[in-house]
Amino acid sequence: MTVLRVIAAAISVVIGIAGLILPVLPGWIFLGLAAALLFPNSAFARKAVAKIEQRFPSTKRLLRFLFGK
């Protein structure tokens, strides 16, 4: 696992927990991102990345960098 991926996942977990407490911030999005970053080979991560790439094609380069596809 790359250091960048672990750092991004840790930040996402912290923001996600804050989002669960604060009503203005959606915490589940950040917790899902952290799960996808920590477990990139899981079925959840593969499906999520495929859906994001399909809906937002401009993010394909960033997702390929983060998930190493």
PDB file of N, CA and C in Angstrom:
ATOM      1  N   MET A   1       0.843  -1.173   0.000  1.00  0.00           N
ATOM      2  CA  MET A   1       0.000   0.000   0.000  1.00  0.00           C
ATOM      3  C   MET A   1       0.887   1.234   0.000  1.00  0.00           C
ATOM      4  N   THR A   2       0.540   2.159  -0.824  1.00  0.00           N
ATOM      5  CA  THR A   2       1.360   3.352  -0.879  1.00  0.00           C
ATOM      6  C   THR A   2       1.068   4.260   0.309  1.00  0.00           C
ATOM      7  N   VAL A   3       2.035   5.048   0.631  1.00  0.00           N
ATOM      8  CA  VAL A   3       1.906   5.968   1.764  1.00  0.00           C
ATOM      9  C   VAL A   3       0.812   6.992   1.482  1.00  0.00           C
ATOM     10  N   LEU A   4       0.731   7.450   0.236  1.00  0.00           N
ATOM     11  CA  LEU A   4      -0.284   8.434  -0.131  1.00  0.00           C
ATOM     12  C   LEU A   4      -1.689   7.880   0.078  1.00  0.00           C
ATOM     13  N   ARG A   5      -1.892   6.628  -0.266  1.00  0.00           N
ATOM     14  CA  ARG A   5      -3.203   6.002  -0.102  1.00  0.00           C
ATOM     15  C   ARG A   5      -3.571   5.880   1.372  1.00  0.00           C
ATOM     16  N   VAL A   6      -2.617   5.517   2.206  1.00  0.00           N
ATOM     17  CA  VAL A   6      -2.885   5.375   3.643  1.00  0.00           C
ATOM     18  C   VAL A   6      -3.174   6.731   4.276  1.00  0.00           C
ATOM     19  N   ILE A   7      -2.434   7.748   3.887  1.00  0.00           N
ATOM     20  CA  ILE A   7      -2.667   9.091   4.422  1.00  0.00           C
ATOM     21  C   ILE A   7      -4.035   9.597   3.997  1.00  0.00           C
ATOM     22  N   ALA A   8      -4.384   9.409   2.721  1.00  0.00           N
ATOM     23  CA  ALA A   8      -5.695   9.845   2.230  1.00  0.00           C
ATOM     24  C   ALA A   8      -6.813   9.092   2.942  1.00  0.00           C
ATOM     25  N   ALA A   9      -6.628   7.810   3.199  1.00  0.00           N
ATOM     26  CA  ALA A   9      -7.639   7.019   3.907  1.00  0.00           C
ATOM     27  C   ALA A   9      -7.788   7.498   5.352  1.00  0.00           C
ATOM     28  N   ALA A  10      -6.682   7.795   6.005  1.00  0.00           N
ATOM     29  CA  ALA A  10      -6.747   8.259   7.396  1.00  0.00           C
ATOM     30  C   ALA A  10      -7.466   9.604   7.486  1.00  0.00           C
ATOM     31  N   ILE A  11      -7.172  10.496   6.561  1.00  0.00           N
ATOM     32  CA  ILE A  11      -7.856  11.797   6.540  1.00  0.00           C
ATOM     33  C   ILE A  11      -9.348  11.590   6.263  1.00  0.00           C
ATOM     34  N   SER A  12      -9.666  10.681   5.358  1.00  0.00           N
ATOM     35  CA  SER A  12     -11.068  10.410   5.043  1.00  0.00           C
ATOM     36  C   SER A  12     -11.814   9.831   6.238  1.00  0.00           C
ATOM     37  N   VAL A  13     -11.159   8.987   7.010  1.00  0.00           N
ATOM     38  CA  VAL A  13     -11.789   8.423   8.210  1.00  0.00           C
ATOM     39  C   VAL A  13     -12.076   9.533   9.223  1.00  0.00           C
ATOM     40  N   VAL A  14     -11.132  10.420   9.431  1.00  0.00           N
ATOM     41  CA  VAL A  14     -11.327  11.515  10.392  1.00  0.00           C
ATOM     42  C   VAL A  14     -12.471  12.419   9.937  1.00  0.00           C
ATOM     43  N   ILE A  15     -12.484  12.787   8.656  1.00  0.00           N
ATOM     44  CA  ILE A  15     -13.559  13.629   8.140  1.00  0.00           C
ATOM     45  C   ILE A  15     -14.889  12.874   8.193  1.00  0.00           C
ATOM     46  N   GLY A  16     -14.863  11.579   7.902  1.00  0.00           N
ATOM     47  CA  GLY A  16     -16.078  10.783   7.951  1.00  0.00           C
ATOM     48  C   GLY A  16     -16.676  10.704   9.342  1.00  0.00           C
ATOM     49  N   ILE A  17     -15.835  10.522  10.338  1.00  0.00           N
ATOM     50  CA  ILE A  17     -16.329  10.483  11.720  1.00  0.00           C
ATOM     51  C   ILE A  17     -16.887  11.843  12.119  1.00  0.00           C
ATOM     52  N   ALA A  18     -16.201  12.908  11.709  1.00  0.00           N
ATOM     53  CA  ALA A  18     -16.724  14.254  11.986  1.00  0.00           C
ATOM     54  C   ALA A  18     -18.057  14.457  11.270  1.00  0.00           C
ATOM     55  N   GLY A  19     -18.172  13.909  10.069  1.00  0.00           N
ATOM     56  CA  GLY A  19     -19.412  14.029   9.325  1.00  0.00           C
ATOM     57  C   GLY A  19     -20.564  13.271   9.945  1.00  0.00           C
ATOM     58  N   LEU A  20     -20.270  12.200  10.647  1.00  0.00           N
ATOM     59  CA  LEU A  20     -21.335  11.474  11.335  1.00  0.00           C
ATOM     60  C   LEU A  20     -21.867  12.264  12.526  1.00  0.00           C
ATOM     61  N   ILE A  21     -21.019  13.103  13.091  1.00  0.00           N
ATOM     62  CA  ILE A  21     -21.410  13.898  14.254  1.00  0.00           C
ATOM     63  C   ILE A  21     -22.048  15.220  13.820  1.00  0.00           C
ATOM     64  N   LEU A  22     -21.453  15.877  12.824  1.00  0.00           N
ATOM     65  CA  LEU A  22     -21.946  17.173  12.360  1.00  0.00           C
ATOM     66  C   LEU A  22     -23.033  16.982  11.306  1.00  0.00           C
ATOM     67  N   PRO A  23     -24.128  17.710  11.414  1.00  0.00           N
ATOM     68  CA  PRO A  23     -25.222  17.528  10.462  1.00  0.00           C
ATOM     69  C   PRO A  23     -24.973  18.130   9.077  1.00  0.00           C
ATOM     70  N   VAL A  24     -23.984  18.992   8.933  1.00  0.00           N
ATOM     71  CA  VAL A  24     -23.739  19.649   7.652  1.00  0.00           C
ATOM     72  C   VAL A  24     -22.815  18.868   6.737  1.00  0.00           C
ATOM     73  N   LEU A  25     -22.118  17.908   7.251  1.00  0.00           N
ATOM     74  CA  LEU A  25     -21.115  17.175   6.490  1.00  0.00           C
ATOM     75  C   LEU A  25     -21.542  15.719   6.326  1.00  0.00           C
ATOM     76  N   PRO A  26     -21.650  15.240   5.077  1.00  0.00           N
ATOM     77  CA  PRO A  26     -22.040  13.835   4.892  1.00  0.00           C
ATOM     78  C   PRO A  26     -20.876  12.892   5.196  1.00  0.00           C
ATOM     79  N   GLY A  27     -20.939  12.215   6.303  1.00  0.00           N
ATOM     80  CA  GLY A  27     -19.839  11.369   6.735  1.00  0.00           C
ATOM     81  C   GLY A  27     -19.713  10.074   5.973  1.00  0.00           C
ATOM     82  N   TRP A  28     -20.816   9.519   5.497  1.00  0.00           N
ATOM     83  CA  TRP A  28     -20.778   8.213   4.828  1.00  0.00           C
ATOM     84  C   TRP A  28     -19.968   8.252   3.546  1.00  0.00           C
ATOM     85  N   ILE A  29     -19.927   9.389   2.869  1.00  0.00           N
ATOM     86  CA  ILE A  29     -19.135   9.492   1.635  1.00  0.00           C
ATOM     87  C   ILE A  29     -17.655   9.321   1.950  1.00  0.00           C
ATOM     88  N   PHE A  30     -17.183   9.975   2.982  1.00  0.00           N
ATOM     89  CA  PHE A  30     -15.774   9.896   3.336  1.00  0.00           C
ATOM     90  C   PHE A  30     -15.397   8.538   3.915  1.00  0.00           C
ATOM     91  N   LEU A  31     -16.308   7.922   4.646  1.00  0.00           N
ATOM     92  CA  LEU A  31     -16.041   6.581   5.163  1.00  0.00           C
ATOM     93  C   LEU A  31     -15.994   5.563   4.024  1.00  0.00           C
ATOM     94  N   GLY A  32     -16.845   5.745   3.033  1.00  0.00           N
ATOM     95  CA  GLY A  32     -16.803   4.884   1.846  1.00  0.00           C
ATOM     96  C   GLY A  32     -15.519   5.071   1.058  1.00  0.00           C
ATOM     97  N   LEU A  33     -15.075   6.308   0.937  1.00  0.00           N
ATOM     98  CA  LEU A  33     -13.805   6.588   0.262  1.00  0.00           C
ATOM     99  C   LEU A  33     -12.645   5.944   1.011  1.00  0.00           C
ATOM    100  N   ALA A  34     -12.655   6.034   2.327  1.00  0.00           N
ATOM    101  CA  ALA A  34     -11.593   5.412   3.126  1.00  0.00           C
ATOM    102  C   ALA A  34     -11.590   3.900   2.950  1.00  0.00           C
ATOM    103  N   ALA A  35     -12.767   3.297   2.930  1.00  0.00           N
ATOM    104  CA  ALA A  35     -12.849   1.842   2.729  1.00  0.00           C
ATOM    105  C   ALA A  35     -12.321   1.458   1.350  1.00  0.00           C
ATOM    106  N   ALA A  36     -12.667   2.246   0.342  1.00  0.00           N
ATOM    107  CA  ALA A  36     -12.194   1.958  -1.009  1.00  0.00           C
ATOM    108  C   ALA A  36     -10.682   2.140  -1.121  1.00  0.00           C
ATOM    109  N   LEU A  37     -10.136   3.114  -0.405  1.00  0.00           N
ATOM    110  CA  LEU A  37      -8.682   3.329  -0.440  1.00  0.00           C
ATOM    111  C   LEU A  37      -7.927   2.240   0.310  1.00  0.00           C
ATOM    112  N   LEU A  38      -8.481   1.780   1.418  1.00  0.00           N
ATOM    113  CA  LEU A  38      -7.791   0.765   2.207  1.00  0.00           C
ATOM    114  C   LEU A  38      -7.933  -0.641   1.621  1.00  0.00           C
ATOM    115  N   PHE A  39      -9.034  -0.889   0.940  1.00  0.00           N
ATOM    116  CA  PHE A  39      -9.286  -2.213   0.370  1.00  0.00           C
ATOM    117  C   PHE A  39      -9.609  -2.093  -1.115  1.00  0.00           C
ATOM    118  N   PRO A  40      -8.624  -1.737  -1.948  1.00  0.00           N
ATOM    119  CA  PRO A  40      -8.896  -1.461  -3.364  1.00  0.00           C
ATOM    120  C   PRO A  40      -9.291  -2.684  -4.179  1.00  0.00           C
ATOM    121  N   ASN A  41      -9.025  -3.881  -3.704  1.00  0.00           N
ATOM    122  CA  ASN A  41      -9.367  -5.082  -4.459  1.00  0.00           C
ATOM    123  C   ASN A  41     -10.702  -5.687  -4.055  1.00  0.00           C
ATOM    124  N   SER A  42     -11.416  -5.024  -3.156  1.00  0.00           N
ATOM    125  CA  SER A  42     -12.712  -5.555  -2.728  1.00  0.00           C
ATOM    126  C   SER A  42     -13.768  -5.300  -3.803  1.00  0.00           C
ATOM    127  N   ALA A  43     -14.825  -6.061  -3.747  1.00  0.00           N
ATOM    128  CA  ALA A  43     -15.912  -5.899  -4.710  1.00  0.00           C
ATOM    129  C   ALA A  43     -16.548  -4.514  -4.578  1.00  0.00           C
ATOM    130  N   PHE A  44     -16.668  -4.024  -3.343  1.00  0.00           N
ATOM    131  CA  PHE A  44     -17.228  -2.698  -3.107  1.00  0.00           C
ATOM    132  C   PHE A  44     -16.413  -1.631  -3.825  1.00  0.00           C
ATOM    133  N   ALA A  45     -15.100  -1.677  -3.676  1.00  0.00           N
ATOM    134  CA  ALA A  45     -14.238  -0.670  -4.283  1.00  0.00           C
ATOM    135  C   ALA A  45     -14.294  -0.742  -5.802  1.00  0.00           C
ATOM    136  N   ARG A  46     -14.272  -1.943  -6.354  1.00  0.00           N
ATOM    137  CA  ARG A  46     -14.324  -2.084  -7.818  1.00  0.00           C
ATOM    138  C   ARG A  46     -15.628  -1.529  -8.381  1.00  0.00           C
ATOM    139  N   LYS A  47     -16.737  -1.820  -7.724  1.00  0.00           N
ATOM    140  CA  LYS A  47     -18.029  -1.315  -8.192  1.00  0.00           C
ATOM    141  C   LYS A  47     -18.117   0.202  -8.055  1.00  0.00           C
ATOM    142  N   ALA A  48     -17.642   0.713  -6.927  1.00  0.00           N
ATOM    143  CA  ALA A  48     -17.696   2.154  -6.696  1.00  0.00           C
ATOM    144  C   ALA A  48     -16.844   2.905  -7.702  1.00  0.00           C
ATOM    145  N   VAL A  49     -15.633   2.425  -7.953  1.00  0.00           N
ATOM    146  CA  VAL A  49     -14.748   3.085  -8.912  1.00  0.00           C
ATOM    147  C   VAL A  49     -15.344   3.025 -10.316  1.00  0.00           C
ATOM    148  N   ALA A  50     -15.923   1.904 -10.686  1.00  0.00           N
ATOM    149  CA  ALA A  50     -16.529   1.777 -12.014  1.00  0.00           C
ATOM    150  C   ALA A  50     -17.693   2.750 -12.178  1.00  0.00           C
ATOM    151  N   LYS A  51     -18.522   2.893 -11.144  1.00  0.00           N
ATOM    152  CA  LYS A  51     -19.649   3.819 -11.215  1.00  0.00           C
ATOM    153  C   LYS A  51     -19.173   5.265 -11.298  1.00  0.00           C
ATOM    154  N   ILE A  52     -18.155   5.602 -10.518  1.00  0.00           N
ATOM    155  CA  ILE A  52     -17.637   6.968 -10.540  1.00  0.00           C
ATOM    156  C   ILE A  52     -17.013   7.278 -11.897  1.00  0.00           C
ATOM    157  N   GLU A  53     -16.242   6.338 -12.440  1.00  0.00           N
ATOM    158  CA  GLU A  53     -15.634   6.551 -13.754  1.00  0.00           C
ATOM    159  C   GLU A  53     -16.693   6.701 -14.836  1.00  0.00           C
ATOM    160  N   GLN A  54     -17.768   5.949 -14.732  1.00  0.00           N
ATOM    161  CA  GLN A  54     -18.828   6.029 -15.727  1.00  0.00           C
ATOM    162  C   GLN A  54     -19.564   7.366 -15.642  1.00  0.00           C
ATOM    163  N   ARG A  55     -19.832   7.802 -14.433  1.00  0.00           N
ATOM    164  CA  ARG A  55     -20.587   9.043 -14.263  1.00  0.00           C
ATOM    165  C   ARG A  55     -19.716  10.287 -14.455  1.00  0.00           C
ATOM    166  N   PHE A  56     -18.475  10.233 -14.005  1.00  0.00           N
ATOM    167  CA  PHE A  56     -17.562  11.369 -14.106  1.00  0.00           C
ATOM    168  C   PHE A  56     -16.280  10.935 -14.819  1.00  0.00           C
ATOM    169  N   PRO A  57     -16.278  10.903 -16.144  1.00  0.00           N
ATOM    170  CA  PRO A  57     -15.107  10.414 -16.883  1.00  0.00           C
ATOM    171  C   PRO A  57     -13.824  11.223 -16.633  1.00  0.00           C
ATOM    172  N   SER A  58     -13.967  12.479 -16.226  1.00  0.00           N
ATOM    173  CA  SER A  58     -12.779  13.299 -15.997  1.00  0.00           C
ATOM    174  C   SER A  58     -11.982  12.845 -14.772  1.00  0.00           C
ATOM    175  N   THR A  59     -12.567  12.025 -13.906  1.00  0.00           N
ATOM    176  CA  THR A  59     -11.865  11.549 -12.713  1.00  0.00           C
ATOM    177  C   THR A  59     -11.078  10.262 -12.959  1.00  0.00           C
ATOM    178  N   LYS A  60     -11.137   9.758 -14.176  1.00  0.00           N
ATOM    179  CA  LYS A  60     -10.513   8.471 -14.474  1.00  0.00           C
ATOM    180  C   LYS A  60      -9.018   8.465 -14.156  1.00  0.00           C
ATOM    181  N   ARG A  61      -8.302   9.519 -14.520  1.00  0.00           N
ATOM    182  CA  ARG A  61      -6.855   9.580 -14.278  1.00  0.00           C
ATOM    183  C   ARG A  61      -6.542   9.558 -12.777  1.00  0.00           C
ATOM    184  N   LEU A  62      -7.270  10.318 -11.994  1.00  0.00           N
ATOM    185  CA  LEU A  62      -7.055  10.358 -10.540  1.00  0.00           C
ATOM    186  C   LEU A  62      -7.355   9.008  -9.906  1.00  0.00           C
ATOM    187  N   LEU A  63      -8.455   8.393 -10.311  1.00  0.00           N
ATOM    188  CA  LEU A  63      -8.815   7.087  -9.751  1.00  0.00           C
ATOM    189  C   LEU A  63      -7.791   6.017 -10.121  1.00  0.00           C
ATOM    190  N   ARG A  64      -7.297   6.068 -11.324  1.00  0.00           N
ATOM    191  CA  ARG A  64      -6.269   5.092 -11.741  1.00  0.00           C
ATOM    192  C   ARG A  64      -5.004   5.296 -10.916  1.00  0.00           C
ATOM    193  N   PHE A  65      -4.676   6.547 -10.603  1.00  0.00           N
ATOM    194  CA  PHE A  65      -3.482   6.826  -9.785  1.00  0.00           C
ATOM    195  C   PHE A  65      -3.680   6.304  -8.363  1.00  0.00           C
ATOM    196  N   LEU A  66      -4.844   6.577  -7.767  1.00  0.00           N
ATOM    197  CA  LEU A  66      -5.081   6.165  -6.387  1.00  0.00           C
ATOM    198  C   LEU A  66      -5.240   4.675  -6.226  1.00  0.00           C
ATOM    199  N   PHE A  67      -5.913   4.031  -7.175  1.00  0.00           N
ATOM    200  CA  PHE A  67      -6.194   2.611  -7.030  1.00  0.00           C
ATOM    201  C   PHE A  67      -5.264   1.723  -7.822  1.00  0.00           C
ATOM    202  N   GLY A  68      -4.343   2.306  -8.580  1.00  0.00           N
ATOM    203  CA  GLY A  68      -3.311   1.526  -9.249  1.00  0.00           C
ATOM    204  C   GLY A  68      -3.787   0.579 -10.321  1.00  0.00           C
ATOM    205  N   LYS A  69      -4.815   0.939 -11.024  1.00  0.00           N
ATOM    206  CA  LYS A  69      -5.314   0.080 -12.109  1.00  0.00           C
ATOM    207  C   LYS A  69      -4.557   0.333 -13.378  1.00  0.00           C
TER     208      LYS A  69
END
